[in-house]
Every structure is written in C-alpha cells, then in structure tokens.
C-alpha cells in the first residue's frame, strides 16, 4: 500500500474530490489523503457533485499538511493547483512530487448566477479528476 497526498490551496474542493475518488477507486493500492497550504472548509458544491457520483465526502475536514500525523510518509504528493505547486512544502527525497493541475470551480463560477451552469463546472472538474485518478499509480511512476 502506498500513501498519496493531494495538495491544494484550501483543501476545500479539488483535493477533496481527488481523495474521495482515490479512496473509492484505488483503496486496494493507495491510501489517500488531502490537505491544503491554507484551510477554507469543505465546499458544499464539491460535496454535492461527489454525492451524485456515489461518493460521500461530507464528513471530510479541510486541513493543513501540518495537521496530518507527523510520522506519516508519502510515496506521492500530487499538487492539484498552481498555488499549491508553487508553495509545496518540502517532502523527503523518497516522495515523488507531481503537479496535475485542474481548474478551480469556485473561481470559475464566482460570478455565475445559474446554479445548473455552476454545477456543470463542478461536474466537469470532478470527472477530469476521476479520469486522472483512474491512471494511478502507474502514471506517477513514469
């Protein structure tokens, strides 16, 4: 079993979706975690679109990397946004750090008023993250 951390700015949306998908699809080979360089709370729309896909992330908490157990070592750290990639904390040399950027639904939908259109953005990013997770862990070792 390998440990994978999905790192994002606020650990509210993309990293939470990635952790949810990985736990759902890859729990036989990967133990998934998520954290942020800040905490923003769990995004309710992310919870909603993941629930539509049959994955409950409603009990997850937004957390910092420093909130994770100090003795927890990661085989992989995947940054899912540019800010996290630029501000990624140091991990031991054995940890493979990979950037896999995804659009930020809250930013893209900030000025949108049609809830159906907003949710369509969240669903698109959810599905893009799922497609990425389906390639794990093989795509991280190349």
N, C-alpha and C. Protein backbone atom coordinates (compact mmCIF):
# COMPACT_ATOMS: atom_id res chain seq x y z
N UNK A 1 0.84 -1.18 0.00
CA UNK A 1 0.00 0.00 0.00
C UNK A 1 0.89 1.24 0.00
N UNK A 2 0.59 2.18 -0.90
CA UNK A 2 1.35 3.42 -0.98
C UNK A 2 0.47 4.58 -0.53
N UNK A 3 1.11 5.57 0.09
CA UNK A 3 0.40 6.76 0.57
C UNK A 3 0.50 7.87 -0.47
N UNK A 4 -0.65 8.49 -0.74
CA UNK A 4 -0.69 9.59 -1.69
C UNK A 4 -1.40 10.78 -1.04
N UNK A 5 -0.81 11.95 -1.21
CA UNK A 5 -1.38 13.19 -0.69
C UNK A 5 -1.74 14.09 -1.86
N UNK A 6 -2.98 14.57 -1.86
CA UNK A 6 -3.42 15.56 -2.84
C UNK A 6 -3.39 16.91 -2.14
N UNK A 7 -2.62 17.84 -2.70
CA UNK A 7 -2.38 19.13 -2.07
C UNK A 7 -2.98 20.24 -2.94
N UNK A 8 -3.74 21.12 -2.29
CA UNK A 8 -4.38 22.23 -2.99
C UNK A 8 -4.25 23.47 -2.11
N UNK A 9 -4.76 24.58 -2.59
CA UNK A 9 -4.66 25.81 -1.80
C UNK A 9 -5.42 25.69 -0.49
N UNK A 10 -6.74 25.46 -0.57
CA UNK A 10 -7.57 25.49 0.62
C UNK A 10 -8.13 24.17 1.08
N UNK A 11 -7.82 23.08 0.38
CA UNK A 11 -8.32 21.75 0.73
C UNK A 11 -9.83 21.78 0.89
N UNK A 12 -10.49 22.44 -0.07
CA UNK A 12 -11.94 22.55 0.01
C UNK A 12 -12.67 21.86 -1.13
N UNK A 13 -12.01 21.70 -2.27
CA UNK A 13 -12.73 21.22 -3.46
C UNK A 13 -11.92 20.17 -4.23
N UNK A 14 -10.94 20.59 -5.03
CA UNK A 14 -10.24 19.66 -5.92
C UNK A 14 -9.50 18.56 -5.17
N UNK A 15 -8.76 18.92 -4.14
CA UNK A 15 -8.02 17.90 -3.39
C UNK A 15 -8.96 16.96 -2.65
N UNK A 16 -10.09 17.49 -2.20
CA UNK A 16 -11.08 16.65 -1.54
C UNK A 16 -11.70 15.66 -2.53
N UNK A 17 -12.00 16.14 -3.75
CA UNK A 17 -12.53 15.25 -4.78
C UNK A 17 -11.52 14.17 -5.13
N UNK A 18 -10.25 14.55 -5.25
CA UNK A 18 -9.21 13.58 -5.59
C UNK A 18 -9.06 12.53 -4.49
N UNK A 19 -9.09 12.96 -3.24
CA UNK A 19 -9.04 11.99 -2.14
C UNK A 19 -10.24 11.06 -2.18
N UNK A 20 -11.42 11.62 -2.41
CA UNK A 20 -12.63 10.81 -2.49
C UNK A 20 -12.59 9.78 -3.61
N UNK A 21 -12.19 10.24 -4.80
CA UNK A 21 -12.10 9.30 -5.94
C UNK A 21 -11.06 8.21 -5.68
N UNK A 22 -9.91 8.60 -5.14
CA UNK A 22 -8.85 7.62 -4.91
C UNK A 22 -9.28 6.59 -3.88
N UNK A 23 -9.91 7.03 -2.82
CA UNK A 23 -10.41 6.10 -1.81
C UNK A 23 -11.44 5.17 -2.42
N UNK A 24 -12.30 5.71 -3.27
CA UNK A 24 -13.36 4.91 -3.90
C UNK A 24 -12.82 3.93 -4.94
N UNK A 25 -11.87 4.38 -5.76
CA UNK A 25 -11.42 3.57 -6.90
C UNK A 25 -10.13 2.79 -6.67
N UNK A 26 -9.27 3.25 -5.77
CA UNK A 26 -7.92 2.70 -5.67
C UNK A 26 -7.53 2.27 -4.27
N UNK A 27 -8.48 2.05 -3.38
CA UNK A 27 -8.15 1.75 -1.98
C UNK A 27 -7.41 0.43 -1.81
N UNK A 28 -7.35 -0.37 -2.86
CA UNK A 28 -6.60 -1.62 -2.77
C UNK A 28 -5.09 -1.38 -2.91
N UNK A 29 -4.70 -0.24 -3.50
CA UNK A 29 -3.27 0.04 -3.71
C UNK A 29 -2.80 1.37 -3.13
N UNK A 30 -3.73 2.29 -2.89
CA UNK A 30 -3.35 3.63 -2.44
C UNK A 30 -4.16 4.05 -1.21
N UNK A 31 -3.47 4.58 -0.22
CA UNK A 31 -4.12 5.22 0.91
C UNK A 31 -4.10 6.72 0.62
N UNK A 32 -5.28 7.32 0.45
CA UNK A 32 -5.38 8.70 0.00
C UNK A 32 -5.59 9.67 1.16
N UNK A 33 -4.94 10.83 1.02
CA UNK A 33 -5.06 11.93 1.98
C UNK A 33 -5.15 13.22 1.17
N UNK A 34 -5.68 14.25 1.79
CA UNK A 34 -5.66 15.57 1.16
C UNK A 34 -5.39 16.62 2.21
N UNK A 35 -4.82 17.73 1.75
CA UNK A 35 -4.52 18.84 2.64
C UNK A 35 -4.35 20.09 1.78
N UNK A 36 -4.23 21.23 2.47
CA UNK A 36 -4.04 22.48 1.77
C UNK A 36 -2.89 23.27 2.36
N UNK A 37 -2.47 24.29 1.63
CA UNK A 37 -1.49 25.21 2.17
C UNK A 37 -2.20 26.25 3.05
N UNK A 38 -3.55 26.26 2.96
CA UNK A 38 -4.45 27.03 3.82
C UNK A 38 -5.66 26.12 4.06
N UNK A 39 -6.59 26.54 4.89
CA UNK A 39 -7.85 25.80 5.03
C UNK A 39 -9.01 26.73 4.72
N UNK A 40 -9.94 26.24 3.91
CA UNK A 40 -11.09 27.04 3.50
C UNK A 40 -12.41 26.37 3.85
N UNK A 41 -12.39 25.21 4.50
CA UNK A 41 -13.63 24.48 4.75
C UNK A 41 -14.03 23.69 3.51
N UNK A 42 -14.87 22.71 3.69
CA UNK A 42 -15.31 21.87 2.57
C UNK A 42 -16.34 22.62 1.73
N UNK A 43 -16.14 22.62 0.44
CA UNK A 43 -17.05 23.30 -0.48
C UNK A 43 -18.33 22.48 -0.64
N UNK A 44 -19.49 23.05 -0.33
CA UNK A 44 -20.75 22.29 -0.41
C UNK A 44 -21.09 21.80 -1.82
N UNK A 45 -20.69 22.53 -2.82
CA UNK A 45 -20.96 22.07 -4.19
C UNK A 45 -20.07 20.88 -4.56
N UNK A 46 -18.86 20.86 -4.04
CA UNK A 46 -18.00 19.68 -4.26
C UNK A 46 -18.63 18.47 -3.59
N UNK A 47 -19.14 18.65 -2.38
CA UNK A 47 -19.82 17.56 -1.68
C UNK A 47 -21.01 17.08 -2.51
N UNK A 48 -21.78 18.02 -3.05
CA UNK A 48 -22.98 17.67 -3.82
C UNK A 48 -22.65 16.87 -5.08
N UNK A 49 -21.67 17.34 -5.88
CA UNK A 49 -21.39 16.64 -7.13
C UNK A 49 -20.71 15.29 -6.89
N UNK A 50 -19.95 15.19 -5.82
CA UNK A 50 -19.36 13.88 -5.48
C UNK A 50 -20.46 12.92 -5.04
N UNK A 51 -21.43 13.40 -4.28
CA UNK A 51 -22.55 12.56 -3.85
C UNK A 51 -23.34 12.06 -5.07
N UNK A 52 -23.47 12.91 -6.07
CA UNK A 52 -24.15 12.49 -7.31
C UNK A 52 -23.43 11.31 -7.95
N UNK A 53 -22.12 11.23 -7.76
CA UNK A 53 -21.30 10.13 -8.31
C UNK A 53 -21.22 8.96 -7.34
N UNK A 54 -21.92 9.05 -6.21
CA UNK A 54 -21.94 7.96 -5.25
C UNK A 54 -20.82 7.98 -4.22
N UNK A 55 -20.17 9.13 -4.06
CA UNK A 55 -19.06 9.24 -3.12
C UNK A 55 -19.37 10.32 -2.09
N UNK A 56 -19.37 9.93 -0.83
CA UNK A 56 -19.70 10.85 0.26
C UNK A 56 -18.43 11.42 0.87
N UNK A 57 -18.21 12.72 0.64
CA UNK A 57 -17.06 13.40 1.26
C UNK A 57 -17.54 14.40 2.31
N UNK A 58 -18.79 14.31 2.69
CA UNK A 58 -19.37 15.31 3.59
C UNK A 58 -18.75 15.32 4.98
N UNK A 59 -18.16 14.21 5.40
CA UNK A 59 -17.55 14.15 6.73
C UNK A 59 -16.07 14.55 6.70
N UNK A 60 -15.53 14.82 5.52
CA UNK A 60 -14.13 15.23 5.41
C UNK A 60 -13.95 16.61 6.04
N UNK A 61 -12.74 16.88 6.46
CA UNK A 61 -12.40 18.18 7.04
C UNK A 61 -11.31 18.84 6.22
N UNK A 62 -11.37 20.14 6.09
CA UNK A 62 -10.33 20.91 5.44
C UNK A 62 -9.16 21.01 6.41
N UNK A 63 -7.97 20.61 5.96
CA UNK A 63 -6.83 20.57 6.87
C UNK A 63 -5.54 21.01 6.18
N UNK A 64 -4.59 21.38 7.02
CA UNK A 64 -3.25 21.73 6.56
C UNK A 64 -2.37 20.49 6.53
N UNK A 65 -1.29 20.53 5.79
CA UNK A 65 -0.34 19.43 5.78
C UNK A 65 0.15 19.16 7.21
N UNK A 66 0.33 20.22 7.97
CA UNK A 66 0.83 20.07 9.35
C UNK A 66 -0.21 19.44 10.28
N UNK A 67 -1.46 19.35 9.84
CA UNK A 67 -2.49 18.68 10.63
C UNK A 67 -2.42 17.16 10.50
N UNK A 68 -1.72 16.68 9.49
CA UNK A 68 -1.58 15.23 9.28
C UNK A 68 -0.57 14.67 10.27
N UNK A 69 -0.66 13.39 10.59
CA UNK A 69 0.30 12.80 11.54
C UNK A 69 1.74 13.05 11.10
N UNK A 70 2.57 13.47 12.03
CA UNK A 70 3.97 13.83 11.73
C UNK A 70 4.76 12.65 11.19
N UNK A 71 4.39 11.44 11.59
CA UNK A 71 5.14 10.26 11.15
C UNK A 71 4.60 9.66 9.85
N UNK A 72 3.61 10.29 9.25
CA UNK A 72 3.02 9.80 8.01
C UNK A 72 3.92 10.18 6.84
N UNK A 73 4.42 9.17 6.14
CA UNK A 73 5.29 9.41 4.99
C UNK A 73 4.52 9.15 3.70
N UNK A 74 4.75 9.99 2.72
CA UNK A 74 4.03 9.86 1.45
C UNK A 74 4.95 9.34 0.36
N UNK A 75 4.42 8.42 -0.43
CA UNK A 75 5.12 7.95 -1.62
C UNK A 75 4.95 8.97 -2.74
N UNK A 76 3.74 9.58 -2.77
CA UNK A 76 3.42 10.56 -3.81
C UNK A 76 2.74 11.77 -3.18
N UNK A 77 3.07 12.95 -3.70
CA UNK A 77 2.34 14.17 -3.40
C UNK A 77 1.93 14.74 -4.75
N UNK A 78 0.64 14.93 -4.94
CA UNK A 78 0.11 15.48 -6.18
C UNK A 78 -0.48 16.85 -5.89
N UNK A 79 0.14 17.89 -6.46
CA UNK A 79 -0.43 19.23 -6.34
C UNK A 79 -1.49 19.38 -7.43
N UNK A 80 -2.67 19.84 -7.03
CA UNK A 80 -3.77 19.92 -7.99
C UNK A 80 -4.11 21.36 -8.38
N UNK A 81 -3.30 22.30 -7.92
CA UNK A 81 -3.47 23.70 -8.33
C UNK A 81 -2.11 24.38 -8.37
N UNK A 82 -2.05 25.45 -9.12
CA UNK A 82 -0.78 26.16 -9.29
C UNK A 82 -0.23 26.72 -8.00
N UNK A 83 -1.08 27.27 -7.15
CA UNK A 83 -0.62 27.85 -5.89
C UNK A 83 0.03 26.80 -5.01
N UNK A 84 -0.60 25.64 -4.90
CA UNK A 84 -0.02 24.56 -4.09
C UNK A 84 1.30 24.09 -4.71
N UNK A 85 1.35 24.04 -6.03
CA UNK A 85 2.58 23.63 -6.69
C UNK A 85 3.71 24.61 -6.38
N UNK A 86 3.40 25.91 -6.41
CA UNK A 86 4.42 26.93 -6.15
C UNK A 86 4.79 27.01 -4.68
N UNK A 87 3.87 26.62 -3.79
CA UNK A 87 4.11 26.73 -2.35
C UNK A 87 4.16 25.36 -1.66
N UNK A 88 4.50 24.35 -2.43
CA UNK A 88 4.55 22.99 -1.89
C UNK A 88 5.63 22.90 -0.82
N UNK A 89 5.25 22.40 0.34
CA UNK A 89 6.27 22.24 1.38
C UNK A 89 7.29 21.17 0.97
N UNK A 90 8.37 21.14 1.69
CA UNK A 90 9.42 20.15 1.44
C UNK A 90 8.96 18.78 1.90
N UNK A 91 9.21 17.78 1.06
CA UNK A 91 8.97 16.38 1.42
C UNK A 91 10.27 15.62 1.23
N UNK A 92 10.48 14.54 1.97
CA UNK A 92 11.72 13.76 1.84
C UNK A 92 11.96 13.32 0.40
N UNK A 93 13.22 13.06 0.10
CA UNK A 93 13.62 12.71 -1.27
C UNK A 93 12.87 11.50 -1.82
N UNK A 94 12.46 10.57 -0.97
CA UNK A 94 11.76 9.38 -1.48
C UNK A 94 10.37 9.70 -1.99
N UNK A 95 9.84 10.87 -1.63
CA UNK A 95 8.50 11.28 -2.05
C UNK A 95 8.55 11.85 -3.45
N UNK A 96 7.74 11.29 -4.33
CA UNK A 96 7.65 11.82 -5.70
C UNK A 96 6.57 12.90 -5.72
N UNK A 97 6.95 14.13 -6.02
CA UNK A 97 6.02 15.25 -6.09
C UNK A 97 5.69 15.50 -7.56
N UNK A 98 4.40 15.50 -7.88
CA UNK A 98 3.92 15.63 -9.25
C UNK A 98 2.84 16.71 -9.28
N UNK A 99 2.84 17.53 -10.31
CA UNK A 99 1.78 18.52 -10.48
C UNK A 99 0.78 18.02 -11.51
N UNK A 100 -0.49 18.03 -11.13
CA UNK A 100 -1.59 17.70 -12.04
C UNK A 100 -2.66 18.76 -11.82
N UNK A 101 -2.55 19.86 -12.52
CA UNK A 101 -3.44 20.99 -12.29
C UNK A 101 -4.84 20.78 -12.86
N UNK A 102 -5.82 21.23 -12.11
CA UNK A 102 -7.22 21.20 -12.53
C UNK A 102 -7.81 22.58 -12.32
N UNK A 103 -8.78 22.94 -13.16
CA UNK A 103 -9.47 24.22 -12.99
C UNK A 103 -10.09 24.30 -11.61
N UNK A 104 -10.21 25.53 -11.10
CA UNK A 104 -10.79 25.78 -9.78
C UNK A 104 -12.26 26.16 -9.93
N UNK A 105 -13.18 25.24 -9.64
CA UNK A 105 -14.60 25.55 -9.81
C UNK A 105 -15.08 26.80 -9.06
N UNK A 106 -14.69 27.02 -7.80
CA UNK A 106 -15.16 28.25 -7.14
C UNK A 106 -14.74 29.53 -7.87
N UNK A 107 -13.52 29.55 -8.38
CA UNK A 107 -13.06 30.74 -9.11
C UNK A 107 -13.81 30.90 -10.43
N UNK A 108 -13.97 29.79 -11.15
CA UNK A 108 -14.63 29.85 -12.46
C UNK A 108 -16.09 30.25 -12.35
N UNK A 109 -16.72 29.93 -11.23
CA UNK A 109 -18.16 30.16 -11.09
C UNK A 109 -18.50 31.36 -10.20
N UNK A 110 -17.52 32.07 -9.75
CA UNK A 110 -17.72 33.17 -8.79
C UNK A 110 -18.81 34.14 -9.22
N UNK A 111 -18.85 34.49 -10.49
CA UNK A 111 -19.81 35.49 -10.97
C UNK A 111 -21.02 34.88 -11.68
N UNK A 112 -21.15 33.57 -11.63
CA UNK A 112 -22.28 32.91 -12.30
C UNK A 112 -23.49 32.89 -11.38
N UNK A 113 -24.66 33.06 -11.97
CA UNK A 113 -25.90 33.07 -11.18
C UNK A 113 -26.78 31.85 -11.44
N UNK A 114 -26.56 31.16 -12.52
CA UNK A 114 -27.35 29.97 -12.87
C UNK A 114 -26.75 28.75 -12.17
N UNK A 115 -27.45 28.23 -11.16
CA UNK A 115 -26.92 27.11 -10.37
C UNK A 115 -26.66 25.88 -11.22
N UNK A 116 -27.46 25.63 -12.24
CA UNK A 116 -27.22 24.48 -13.12
C UNK A 116 -25.89 24.64 -13.86
N UNK A 117 -25.61 25.85 -14.32
CA UNK A 117 -24.35 26.11 -15.02
C UNK A 117 -23.17 25.99 -14.05
N UNK A 118 -23.36 26.47 -12.83
CA UNK A 118 -22.32 26.35 -11.81
C UNK A 118 -22.00 24.88 -11.55
N UNK A 119 -23.03 24.10 -11.33
CA UNK A 119 -22.82 22.68 -11.04
C UNK A 119 -22.21 21.95 -12.22
N UNK A 120 -22.49 22.40 -13.43
CA UNK A 120 -21.88 21.78 -14.62
C UNK A 120 -20.36 21.94 -14.58
N UNK A 121 -19.88 23.08 -14.11
CA UNK A 121 -18.43 23.30 -13.98
C UNK A 121 -17.85 22.34 -12.95
N UNK A 122 -18.50 22.24 -11.81
CA UNK A 122 -18.04 21.33 -10.76
C UNK A 122 -18.04 19.88 -11.26
N UNK A 123 -19.07 19.50 -12.00
CA UNK A 123 -19.13 18.13 -12.53
C UNK A 123 -18.02 17.86 -13.53
N UNK A 124 -17.72 18.85 -14.37
CA UNK A 124 -16.65 18.68 -15.35
C UNK A 124 -15.31 18.44 -14.64
N UNK A 125 -15.01 19.25 -13.66
CA UNK A 125 -13.75 19.10 -12.93
C UNK A 125 -13.75 17.78 -12.15
N UNK A 126 -14.88 17.44 -11.54
CA UNK A 126 -15.00 16.15 -10.85
C UNK A 126 -14.64 15.00 -11.79
N UNK A 127 -15.18 15.04 -12.99
CA UNK A 127 -14.95 13.96 -13.96
C UNK A 127 -13.51 13.95 -14.48
N UNK A 128 -12.91 15.14 -14.61
CA UNK A 128 -11.50 15.21 -15.01
C UNK A 128 -10.61 14.62 -13.92
N UNK A 129 -10.93 14.89 -12.68
CA UNK A 129 -10.15 14.33 -11.57
C UNK A 129 -10.33 12.82 -11.53
N UNK A 130 -11.54 12.34 -11.75
CA UNK A 130 -11.77 10.89 -11.78
C UNK A 130 -10.90 10.24 -12.86
N UNK A 131 -10.89 10.83 -14.06
CA UNK A 131 -10.09 10.27 -15.16
C UNK A 131 -8.61 10.21 -14.77
N UNK A 132 -8.12 11.24 -14.09
CA UNK A 132 -6.73 11.24 -13.63
C UNK A 132 -6.50 10.13 -12.61
N UNK A 133 -7.38 10.03 -11.63
CA UNK A 133 -7.23 9.02 -10.58
C UNK A 133 -7.24 7.61 -11.16
N UNK A 134 -8.02 7.40 -12.20
CA UNK A 134 -8.07 6.08 -12.82
C UNK A 134 -6.72 5.65 -13.37
N UNK A 135 -5.81 6.59 -13.63
CA UNK A 135 -4.47 6.25 -14.15
C UNK A 135 -3.46 5.95 -13.06
N UNK A 136 -3.86 6.14 -11.81
CA UNK A 136 -2.94 5.97 -10.67
C UNK A 136 -2.79 4.52 -10.27
N UNK A 137 -1.67 4.10 -9.73
CA UNK A 137 -0.44 4.90 -9.54
C UNK A 137 0.49 4.88 -10.73
N UNK A 138 0.15 4.11 -11.76
CA UNK A 138 1.07 3.92 -12.89
C UNK A 138 1.55 5.24 -13.51
N UNK A 139 0.63 6.22 -13.68
CA UNK A 139 1.03 7.46 -14.32
C UNK A 139 2.01 8.28 -13.49
N UNK A 140 2.11 8.00 -12.21
CA UNK A 140 3.03 8.73 -11.34
C UNK A 140 4.44 8.18 -11.38
N UNK A 141 4.59 6.97 -11.87
CA UNK A 141 5.89 6.33 -11.90
C UNK A 141 6.61 6.48 -13.23
N UNK A 142 6.02 7.23 -14.14
CA UNK A 142 6.64 7.40 -15.47
C UNK A 142 7.49 8.64 -15.56
